[in-house]
Amino acid sequence: MKMRSSELKAFIHKHSPLFWYIPEDKKTEVSDELLVETILNHGTLQDFQQLKDLMGEEYISSIFLGLKGRKKMNYYPEIYNLFYLYFTKKHA
């Protein structure tokens, strides 16, 4: 299991209802991919900003832009489009 900072664990705990299907004692063990997907799909802009501060924009961008096949389909189409434009145009 990857070590998580106490700040990131607190962030996940604060957003615990978004991970309703994961047992409480396993929530801080979610993959970075699932964490990013959940916050982008269901979180607020402020949640995204906080996640960026905790994980780093470059890392989140690499997770998002590295998506293949089915994993892309886990995002709502409008969310995928928004963040695709954000991550590709921001650094153009």
N, C-alpha and C. Protein backbone atom coordinates (compact mmCIF):
# COMPACT_ATOMS: atom_id res chain seq x y z
N MET A 1 0.84 -1.19 0.00
CA MET A 1 0.00 0.00 0.00
C MET A 1 0.88 1.25 0.00
N LYS A 2 0.50 2.22 -0.79
CA LYS A 2 1.23 3.48 -0.88
C LYS A 2 0.98 4.30 0.39
N MET A 3 2.04 4.91 0.90
CA MET A 3 1.88 5.76 2.08
C MET A 3 1.18 7.05 1.69
N ARG A 4 0.23 7.42 2.49
CA ARG A 4 -0.53 8.65 2.26
C ARG A 4 -0.15 9.66 3.33
N SER A 5 -0.11 10.92 2.92
CA SER A 5 0.14 11.98 3.91
C SER A 5 -1.10 12.09 4.80
N SER A 6 -0.90 12.62 5.97
CA SER A 6 -2.04 12.80 6.88
C SER A 6 -3.04 13.79 6.29
N GLU A 7 -2.55 14.76 5.51
CA GLU A 7 -3.45 15.73 4.87
C GLU A 7 -4.33 15.06 3.82
N LEU A 8 -3.73 14.15 3.04
CA LEU A 8 -4.51 13.46 2.02
C LEU A 8 -5.52 12.50 2.67
N LYS A 9 -5.12 11.85 3.76
CA LYS A 9 -6.07 11.00 4.49
C LYS A 9 -7.22 11.82 5.03
N ALA A 10 -6.94 13.01 5.54
CA ALA A 10 -7.99 13.90 6.05
C ALA A 10 -8.91 14.34 4.91
N PHE A 11 -8.35 14.61 3.74
CA PHE A 11 -9.13 14.99 2.57
C PHE A 11 -10.09 13.86 2.18
N ILE A 12 -9.57 12.63 2.14
CA ILE A 12 -10.41 11.47 1.81
C ILE A 12 -11.50 11.30 2.86
N HIS A 13 -11.15 11.43 4.13
CA HIS A 13 -12.14 11.30 5.20
C HIS A 13 -13.23 12.36 5.07
N LYS A 14 -12.84 13.59 4.74
CA LYS A 14 -13.80 14.68 4.58
C LYS A 14 -14.78 14.38 3.44
N HIS A 15 -14.29 13.69 2.42
CA HIS A 15 -15.12 13.36 1.26
C HIS A 15 -15.61 11.91 1.30
N SER A 16 -15.64 11.34 2.48
CA SER A 16 -16.03 9.96 2.68
C SER A 16 -17.35 9.57 2.01
N PRO A 17 -18.38 10.42 2.03
CA PRO A 17 -19.64 10.03 1.37
C PRO A 17 -19.50 9.75 -0.12
N LEU A 18 -18.51 10.33 -0.78
CA LEU A 18 -18.30 10.06 -2.20
C LEU A 18 -17.80 8.63 -2.43
N PHE A 19 -17.26 8.03 -1.39
CA PHE A 19 -16.75 6.65 -1.46
C PHE A 19 -17.66 5.72 -0.66
N TRP A 20 -18.96 5.93 -0.76
CA TRP A 20 -19.95 5.22 0.05
C TRP A 20 -19.86 3.71 -0.10
N TYR A 21 -19.38 3.22 -1.22
CA TYR A 21 -19.36 1.79 -1.53
C TYR A 21 -18.09 1.09 -1.03
N ILE A 22 -17.20 1.85 -0.42
CA ILE A 22 -15.94 1.29 0.09
C ILE A 22 -16.04 1.23 1.61
N PRO A 23 -15.65 0.09 2.22
CA PRO A 23 -15.69 -0.01 3.68
C PRO A 23 -14.87 1.12 4.32
N GLU A 24 -15.36 1.64 5.40
CA GLU A 24 -14.76 2.80 6.07
C GLU A 24 -13.26 2.61 6.32
N ASP A 25 -12.86 1.43 6.76
CA ASP A 25 -11.44 1.20 7.09
C ASP A 25 -10.55 1.03 5.85
N LYS A 26 -11.13 1.03 4.66
CA LYS A 26 -10.36 0.87 3.42
C LYS A 26 -10.32 2.14 2.58
N LYS A 27 -11.04 3.17 2.98
CA LYS A 27 -11.17 4.37 2.15
C LYS A 27 -9.84 5.07 1.89
N THR A 28 -8.97 5.12 2.88
CA THR A 28 -7.69 5.81 2.66
C THR A 28 -6.73 4.98 1.81
N GLU A 29 -7.14 3.77 1.45
CA GLU A 29 -6.31 2.91 0.61
C GLU A 29 -6.73 2.93 -0.86
N VAL A 30 -7.71 3.77 -1.23
CA VAL A 30 -8.13 3.82 -2.63
C VAL A 30 -6.95 4.24 -3.50
N SER A 31 -6.96 3.77 -4.72
CA SER A 31 -5.87 4.12 -5.64
C SER A 31 -5.93 5.61 -5.97
N ASP A 32 -4.80 6.14 -6.39
CA ASP A 32 -4.77 7.54 -6.81
C ASP A 32 -5.71 7.76 -8.00
N GLU A 33 -5.76 6.78 -8.91
CA GLU A 33 -6.66 6.89 -10.06
C GLU A 33 -8.11 7.02 -9.62
N LEU A 34 -8.53 6.19 -8.67
CA LEU A 34 -9.91 6.25 -8.19
C LEU A 34 -10.17 7.54 -7.44
N LEU A 35 -9.23 8.00 -6.67
CA LEU A 35 -9.39 9.25 -5.93
C LEU A 35 -9.59 10.42 -6.90
N VAL A 36 -8.73 10.50 -7.91
CA VAL A 36 -8.84 11.58 -8.90
C VAL A 36 -10.17 11.47 -9.65
N GLU A 37 -10.51 10.28 -10.11
CA GLU A 37 -11.76 10.06 -10.84
C GLU A 37 -12.97 10.50 -10.01
N THR A 38 -13.01 10.11 -8.76
CA THR A 38 -14.15 10.42 -7.90
C THR A 38 -14.27 11.91 -7.66
N ILE A 39 -13.17 12.57 -7.37
CA ILE A 39 -13.22 14.01 -7.11
C ILE A 39 -13.58 14.77 -8.38
N LEU A 40 -13.01 14.41 -9.52
CA LEU A 40 -13.34 15.12 -10.76
C LEU A 40 -14.80 14.90 -11.14
N ASN A 41 -15.30 13.68 -10.99
CA ASN A 41 -16.68 13.39 -11.36
C ASN A 41 -17.71 13.96 -10.38
N HIS A 42 -17.42 13.92 -9.09
CA HIS A 42 -18.45 14.21 -8.09
C HIS A 42 -18.12 15.35 -7.14
N GLY A 43 -16.90 15.83 -7.18
CA GLY A 43 -16.50 16.89 -6.27
C GLY A 43 -16.80 18.27 -6.84
N THR A 44 -16.49 19.28 -6.05
CA THR A 44 -16.67 20.66 -6.46
C THR A 44 -15.35 21.20 -7.02
N LEU A 45 -15.40 22.39 -7.56
CA LEU A 45 -14.17 23.04 -8.02
C LEU A 45 -13.21 23.23 -6.85
N GLN A 46 -13.74 23.58 -5.69
CA GLN A 46 -12.90 23.74 -4.49
C GLN A 46 -12.25 22.40 -4.12
N ASP A 47 -12.99 21.30 -4.24
CA ASP A 47 -12.42 19.97 -3.97
C ASP A 47 -11.25 19.69 -4.91
N PHE A 48 -11.42 20.03 -6.19
CA PHE A 48 -10.36 19.83 -7.17
C PHE A 48 -9.13 20.67 -6.80
N GLN A 49 -9.37 21.93 -6.40
CA GLN A 49 -8.26 22.81 -6.01
C GLN A 49 -7.49 22.22 -4.82
N GLN A 50 -8.23 21.70 -3.84
CA GLN A 50 -7.59 21.11 -2.67
C GLN A 50 -6.79 19.86 -3.06
N LEU A 51 -7.38 19.04 -3.93
CA LEU A 51 -6.67 17.84 -4.37
C LEU A 51 -5.40 18.21 -5.12
N LYS A 52 -5.48 19.26 -5.94
CA LYS A 52 -4.30 19.75 -6.66
C LYS A 52 -3.21 20.18 -5.68
N ASP A 53 -3.61 20.87 -4.63
CA ASP A 53 -2.64 21.30 -3.63
C ASP A 53 -1.97 20.12 -2.93
N LEU A 54 -2.74 19.05 -2.72
CA LEU A 54 -2.23 17.88 -2.00
C LEU A 54 -1.40 16.94 -2.88
N MET A 55 -1.84 16.73 -4.11
CA MET A 55 -1.19 15.74 -4.98
C MET A 55 -0.30 16.36 -6.04
N GLY A 56 -0.53 17.61 -6.35
CA GLY A 56 0.23 18.28 -7.39
C GLY A 56 -0.48 18.18 -8.74
N GLU A 57 -0.53 19.30 -9.44
CA GLU A 57 -1.23 19.34 -10.72
C GLU A 57 -0.58 18.43 -11.75
N GLU A 58 0.73 18.38 -11.78
CA GLU A 58 1.42 17.54 -12.75
C GLU A 58 1.08 16.06 -12.56
N TYR A 59 1.02 15.63 -11.31
CA TYR A 59 0.70 14.22 -11.03
C TYR A 59 -0.74 13.91 -11.42
N ILE A 60 -1.67 14.79 -11.06
CA ILE A 60 -3.08 14.58 -11.42
C ILE A 60 -3.22 14.57 -12.94
N SER A 61 -2.54 15.48 -13.60
CA SER A 61 -2.57 15.53 -15.06
C SER A 61 -2.05 14.24 -15.67
N SER A 62 -0.96 13.70 -15.12
CA SER A 62 -0.40 12.46 -15.66
C SER A 62 -1.36 11.29 -15.46
N ILE A 63 -2.07 11.26 -14.34
CA ILE A 63 -3.07 10.21 -14.11
C ILE A 63 -4.20 10.36 -15.13
N PHE A 64 -4.71 11.57 -15.27
CA PHE A 64 -5.85 11.82 -16.15
C PHE A 64 -5.49 11.59 -17.61
N LEU A 65 -4.40 12.16 -18.07
CA LEU A 65 -4.03 12.04 -19.49
C LEU A 65 -3.50 10.66 -19.84
N GLY A 66 -3.16 9.86 -18.84
CA GLY A 66 -2.68 8.50 -19.08
C GLY A 66 -3.80 7.47 -19.15
N LEU A 67 -5.04 7.92 -19.08
CA LEU A 67 -6.17 6.99 -19.11
C LEU A 67 -6.27 6.29 -20.45
N LYS A 68 -6.64 5.03 -20.41
CA LYS A 68 -6.84 4.24 -21.62
C LYS A 68 -8.20 3.55 -21.55
N GLY A 69 -8.79 3.35 -22.71
CA GLY A 69 -9.99 2.52 -22.85
C GLY A 69 -11.09 2.72 -21.83
N ARG A 70 -11.42 1.67 -21.13
CA ARG A 70 -12.54 1.65 -20.19
C ARG A 70 -12.40 2.72 -19.12
N LYS A 71 -11.20 2.99 -18.66
CA LYS A 71 -11.02 3.97 -17.59
C LYS A 71 -11.47 5.36 -18.02
N LYS A 72 -11.32 5.67 -19.31
CA LYS A 72 -11.82 6.95 -19.81
C LYS A 72 -13.34 7.01 -19.69
N MET A 73 -13.96 5.87 -19.88
CA MET A 73 -15.42 5.82 -19.86
C MET A 73 -16.00 5.93 -18.45
N ASN A 74 -15.16 5.85 -17.44
CA ASN A 74 -15.63 6.02 -16.07
C ASN A 74 -15.95 7.48 -15.76
N TYR A 75 -15.47 8.39 -16.58
CA TYR A 75 -15.74 9.81 -16.40
C TYR A 75 -17.01 10.19 -17.15
N TYR A 76 -17.78 11.10 -16.56
CA TYR A 76 -18.91 11.65 -17.30
C TYR A 76 -18.34 12.37 -18.52
N PRO A 77 -19.01 12.26 -19.68
CA PRO A 77 -18.44 12.87 -20.90
C PRO A 77 -18.10 14.35 -20.76
N GLU A 78 -18.97 15.12 -20.14
CA GLU A 78 -18.70 16.56 -19.99
C GLU A 78 -17.54 16.82 -19.04
N ILE A 79 -17.38 15.99 -18.03
CA ILE A 79 -16.26 16.12 -17.09
C ILE A 79 -14.96 15.76 -17.80
N TYR A 80 -14.99 14.66 -18.55
CA TYR A 80 -13.79 14.25 -19.29
C TYR A 80 -13.36 15.36 -20.25
N ASN A 81 -14.32 15.91 -20.98
CA ASN A 81 -14.02 16.97 -21.94
C ASN A 81 -13.43 18.20 -21.25
N LEU A 82 -14.05 18.64 -20.16
CA LEU A 82 -13.58 19.81 -19.41
C LEU A 82 -12.13 19.62 -18.96
N PHE A 83 -11.86 18.52 -18.29
CA PHE A 83 -10.52 18.32 -17.76
C PHE A 83 -9.50 17.96 -18.84
N TYR A 84 -9.96 17.33 -19.92
CA TYR A 84 -9.05 17.11 -21.04
C TYR A 84 -8.57 18.46 -21.59
N LEU A 85 -9.52 19.36 -21.80
CA LEU A 85 -9.15 20.70 -22.27
C LEU A 85 -8.27 21.42 -21.25
N TYR A 86 -8.62 21.32 -19.98
CA TYR A 86 -7.85 21.98 -18.92
C TYR A 86 -6.40 21.49 -18.91
N PHE A 87 -6.22 20.19 -18.90
CA PHE A 87 -4.87 19.65 -18.78
C PHE A 87 -4.06 19.77 -20.06
N THR A 88 -4.69 19.77 -21.23
CA THR A 88 -3.92 19.87 -22.46
C THR A 88 -3.69 21.30 -22.90
N LYS A 89 -4.62 22.18 -22.64
CA LYS A 89 -4.46 23.59 -23.08
C LYS A 89 -3.62 24.40 -22.09
N LYS A 90 -3.69 24.04 -20.83
CA LYS A 90 -2.98 24.79 -19.80
C LYS A 90 -1.47 24.77 -20.05
N HIS A 91 -0.97 23.68 -20.57
CA HIS A 91 0.47 23.54 -20.74
C HIS A 91 0.90 23.65 -22.20
N ALA A 92 -0.01 24.11 -23.04
CA ALA A 92 0.30 24.21 -24.48
C ALA A 92 1.20 25.39 -24.76
